Every structure is written in C-alpha cells, then in structure tokens.
Amino acid sequence: MLTTYRFDHPETDASKTLDFRAYVYASLFGPVYVLVNGFPLLALLMVLISAAIFIAAFIGFGFVDWFLGSEIITIFALIGVPIAALAAQGVAAIELVRMGYLRSGWREGY
C-alpha cells in the first residue's frame, strides 16, 4: 500500500523519491503537499478529494456510533476513523503527485 516511487527527469538528471516520509506529509497536508510539488490543478482536485474523505469519515463515524451504539466501539471509531481518513488522504495525494510527475515527462523507476 505504501509503495515507494522513484522518478528521474530525462533531460536534467534530477530525481525525486516518494517514500514513507512523503506519505506522512501528504496525509497531514493533502492539497498543500500536491501544490508544493508543483501541480496547482491537481491540488484543486485534491481539495475535492479531501472534502469527500472528510464527509465520508464524518458520516462513517456517525453511522458506527448510531448503529452499534456501544461506548467502547465509539471510542475505537473516534480513534480509528480519523487515522483511516488521513491514510486515505495520503494515498490519494501521492497518487496525484505521481500522476503529475508522469504527465510532466518524468520517468518512473529508473
């Protein structure tokens, strides 16, 4: 799930690596992470994706709390749902950055 990606630019010999640290930053900062990597249009798309993840997490937590109603399950959901939402945001942001690099002419895996 947390795949490391390596990119090389064919003309400038520059290289980029998306590793575990990139996933952490992407999870925490989402659209800002995509923007800092130089993809403003993809950052706008990431804003929509982050909003959808937030809404899904909010509804998911509410559903778990309402449907199961147990205090211990609610506590676990209160901890687990935000962690899952952050992980989903990180994976989505890394995939957008990866797509941006590939569209910009970077080669993957060299």
C-alpha atoms as a PDB file:
ATOM      1  CA  MET A   1       0.000   0.000   0.000  1.00  0.00           C
ATOM      2  CA  LEU A   2       2.797   2.433   0.811  1.00  0.00           C
ATOM      3  CA  THR A   3       4.805   1.923  -2.355  1.00  0.00           C
ATOM      4  CA  THR A   4       7.996   3.896  -2.831  1.00  0.00           C
ATOM      5  CA  TYR A   5       8.154   5.679  -6.180  1.00  0.00           C
ATOM      6  CA  ARG A   6      11.310   6.988  -7.830  1.00  0.00           C
ATOM      7  CA  PHE A   7      11.282   9.444 -10.705  1.00  0.00           C
ATOM      8  CA  ASP A   8      14.057  10.688 -12.972  1.00  0.00           C
ATOM      9  CA  HIS A   9      13.829  13.623 -15.326  1.00  0.00           C
ATOM     10  CA  PRO A  10      15.234  12.572 -18.714  1.00  0.00           C
ATOM     11  CA  GLU A  11      16.693  15.985 -19.583  1.00  0.00           C
ATOM     12  CA  THR A  12      18.010  17.420 -16.319  1.00  0.00           C
ATOM     13  CA  ASP A  13      19.122  14.263 -14.477  1.00  0.00           C
ATOM     14  CA  ALA A  14      17.080  15.380 -11.461  1.00  0.00           C
ATOM     15  CA  SER A  15      15.441  12.704  -9.346  1.00  0.00           C
ATOM     16  CA  LYS A  16      12.526  12.596  -6.924  1.00  0.00           C
ATOM     17  CA  THR A  17      11.506   9.932  -4.438  1.00  0.00           C
ATOM     18  CA  LEU A  18       8.083   9.468  -2.891  1.00  0.00           C
ATOM     19  CA  ASP A  19       8.678   7.347   0.199  1.00  0.00           C
ATOM     20  CA  PHE A  20       7.208   6.904   3.676  1.00  0.00           C
ATOM     21  CA  ARG A  21       8.019  10.489   4.649  1.00  0.00           C
ATOM     22  CA  ALA A  22       6.142  11.727   1.570  1.00  0.00           C
ATOM     23  CA  TYR A  23       3.110   9.697   2.649  1.00  0.00           C
ATOM     24  CA  VAL A  24       3.219  11.311   6.096  1.00  0.00           C
ATOM     25  CA  TYR A  25       3.393  14.819   4.650  1.00  0.00           C
ATOM     26  CA  ALA A  26       0.694  14.005   2.097  1.00  0.00           C
ATOM     27  CA  SER A  27      -1.550  12.652   4.855  1.00  0.00           C
ATOM     28  CA  LEU A  28      -1.145  15.699   7.029  1.00  0.00           C
ATOM     29  CA  PHE A  29      -1.196  18.427   4.404  1.00  0.00           C
ATOM     30  CA  GLY A  30      -3.098  16.909   1.435  1.00  0.00           C
ATOM     31  CA  PRO A  31      -3.726  19.642  -1.148  1.00  0.00           C
ATOM     32  CA  VAL A  32      -0.838  21.783   0.110  1.00  0.00           C
ATOM     33  CA  TYR A  33       1.536  18.849  -0.419  1.00  0.00           C
ATOM     34  CA  VAL A  34       0.349  18.463  -4.022  1.00  0.00           C
ATOM     35  CA  LEU A  35       0.707  22.210  -4.576  1.00  0.00           C
ATOM     36  CA  VAL A  36       4.225  22.344  -3.114  1.00  0.00           C
ATOM     37  CA  ASN A  37       5.266  19.612  -5.541  1.00  0.00           C
ATOM     38  CA  GLY A  38       4.273  21.925  -8.379  1.00  0.00           C
ATOM     39  CA  PHE A  39       0.841  20.757  -9.502  1.00  0.00           C
ATOM     40  CA  PRO A  40      -1.736  23.522  -8.879  1.00  0.00           C
ATOM     41  CA  LEU A  41      -4.578  21.969 -10.897  1.00  0.00           C
ATOM     42  CA  LEU A  42      -4.115  18.629  -9.208  1.00  0.00           C
ATOM     43  CA  ALA A  43      -4.076  20.468  -5.854  1.00  0.00           C
ATOM     44  CA  LEU A  44      -7.554  21.792  -6.648  1.00  0.00           C
ATOM     45  CA  LEU A  45      -8.662  18.241  -7.385  1.00  0.00           C
ATOM     46  CA  MET A  46      -7.085  17.169  -4.087  1.00  0.00           C
ATOM     47  CA  VAL A  47      -9.220  19.757  -2.262  1.00  0.00           C
ATOM     48  CA  LEU A  48     -12.329  17.997  -3.595  1.00  0.00           C
ATOM     49  CA  ILE A  49     -10.943  14.573  -2.723  1.00  0.00           C
ATOM     50  CA  SER A  50     -10.047  15.726   0.805  1.00  0.00           C
ATOM     51  CA  ALA A  51     -13.549  17.125   1.264  1.00  0.00           C
ATOM     52  CA  ALA A  52     -15.070  13.831   0.106  1.00  0.00           C
ATOM     53  CA  ILE A  53     -12.831  11.879   2.505  1.00  0.00           C
ATOM     54  CA  PHE A  54     -13.787  14.208   5.375  1.00  0.00           C
ATOM     55  CA  ILE A  55     -17.508  13.832   4.632  1.00  0.00           C
ATOM     56  CA  ALA A  56     -17.202  10.054   4.317  1.00  0.00           C
ATOM     57  CA  ALA A  57     -15.309   9.864   7.624  1.00  0.00           C
ATOM     58  CA  PHE A  58     -17.863  12.057   9.383  1.00  0.00           C
ATOM     59  CA  ILE A  59     -20.798  10.036   8.054  1.00  0.00           C
ATOM     60  CA  GLY A  60     -18.974   6.764   8.738  1.00  0.00           C
ATOM     61  CA  PHE A  61     -18.301   7.699  12.343  1.00  0.00           C
ATOM     62  CA  GLY A  62     -21.904   8.818  12.798  1.00  0.00           C
ATOM     63  CA  PHE A  63     -23.177   5.585  11.308  1.00  0.00           C
ATOM     64  CA  VAL A  64     -20.943   3.438  13.531  1.00  0.00           C
ATOM     65  CA  ASP A  65     -21.968   5.414  16.598  1.00  0.00           C
ATOM     66  CA  TRP A  66     -25.662   5.289  15.732  1.00  0.00           C
ATOM     67  CA  PHE A  67     -25.840   1.697  14.504  1.00  0.00           C
ATOM     68  CA  LEU A  68     -23.683  -0.035  17.081  1.00  0.00           C
ATOM     69  CA  GLY A  69     -24.151   2.367  19.986  1.00  0.00           C
ATOM     70  CA  SER A  70     -21.551   0.778  22.234  1.00  0.00           C
ATOM     71  CA  GLU A  71     -19.304   3.151  24.158  1.00  0.00           C
ATOM     72  CA  ILE A  72     -16.162   1.082  23.572  1.00  0.00           C
ATOM     73  CA  ILE A  73     -16.840   0.821  19.832  1.00  0.00           C
ATOM     74  CA  THR A  74     -17.492   4.567  19.709  1.00  0.00           C
ATOM     75  CA  ILE A  75     -14.111   5.203  21.361  1.00  0.00           C
ATOM     76  CA  PHE A  76     -12.353   2.909  18.877  1.00  0.00           C
ATOM     77  CA  ALA A  77     -14.206   4.580  15.988  1.00  0.00           C
ATOM     78  CA  LEU A  78     -13.265   8.012  17.339  1.00  0.00           C
ATOM     79  CA  ILE A  79      -9.621   6.988  17.125  1.00  0.00           C
ATOM     80  CA  GLY A  80      -9.732   4.774  14.031  1.00  0.00           C
ATOM     81  CA  VAL A  81     -11.846   6.828  11.645  1.00  0.00           C
ATOM     82  CA  PRO A  82      -9.545   9.892  11.601  1.00  0.00           C
ATOM     83  CA  ILE A  83      -6.491   7.659  11.159  1.00  0.00           C
ATOM     84  CA  ALA A  84      -8.161   5.883   8.228  1.00  0.00           C
ATOM     85  CA  ALA A  85      -9.176   9.237   6.730  1.00  0.00           C
ATOM     86  CA  LEU A  86      -5.611  10.559   6.995  1.00  0.00           C
ATOM     87  CA  ALA A  87      -4.251   7.392   5.406  1.00  0.00           C
ATOM     88  CA  ALA A  88      -6.741   7.691   2.538  1.00  0.00           C
ATOM     89  CA  GLN A  89      -5.790  11.331   2.028  1.00  0.00           C
ATOM     90  CA  GLY A  90      -2.095  10.441   1.941  1.00  0.00           C
ATOM     91  CA  VAL A  91      -2.562   7.697  -0.635  1.00  0.00           C
ATOM     92  CA  ALA A  92      -4.736   9.941  -2.803  1.00  0.00           C
ATOM     93  CA  ALA A  93      -2.252  12.826  -2.658  1.00  0.00           C
ATOM     94  CA  ILE A  94       0.703  10.581  -3.521  1.00  0.00           C
ATOM     95  CA  GLU A  95      -1.188   9.141  -6.493  1.00  0.00           C
ATOM     96  CA  LEU A  96      -1.976  12.645  -7.742  1.00  0.00           C
ATOM     97  CA  VAL A  97       1.650  13.728  -7.386  1.00  0.00           C
ATOM     98  CA  ARG A  98       2.741  10.544  -9.137  1.00  0.00           C
ATOM     99  CA  MET A  99       0.322  11.232 -11.980  1.00  0.00           C
ATOM    100  CA  GLY A 100       1.592  14.818 -12.167  1.00  0.00           C
ATOM    101  CA  TYR A 101       5.214  13.734 -12.466  1.00  0.00           C
ATOM    102  CA  LEU A 102       4.399  11.203 -15.162  1.00  0.00           C
ATOM    103  CA  ARG A 103       2.403  13.773 -17.140  1.00  0.00           C
ATOM    104  CA  SER A 104       5.293  16.235 -16.830  1.00  0.00           C
ATOM    105  CA  GLY A 105       7.667  13.832 -18.550  1.00  0.00           C
ATOM    106  CA  TRP A 106       9.394  12.266 -15.568  1.00  0.00           C
ATOM    107  CA  ARG A 107      10.284   8.580 -15.880  1.00  0.00           C
ATOM    108  CA  GLU A 108       9.304   6.208 -13.124  1.00  0.00           C
ATOM    109  CA  GLY A 109      11.506   3.511 -11.688  1.00  0.00           C
ATOM    110  CA  TYR A 110      14.895   4.380 -13.172  1.00  0.00           C
END
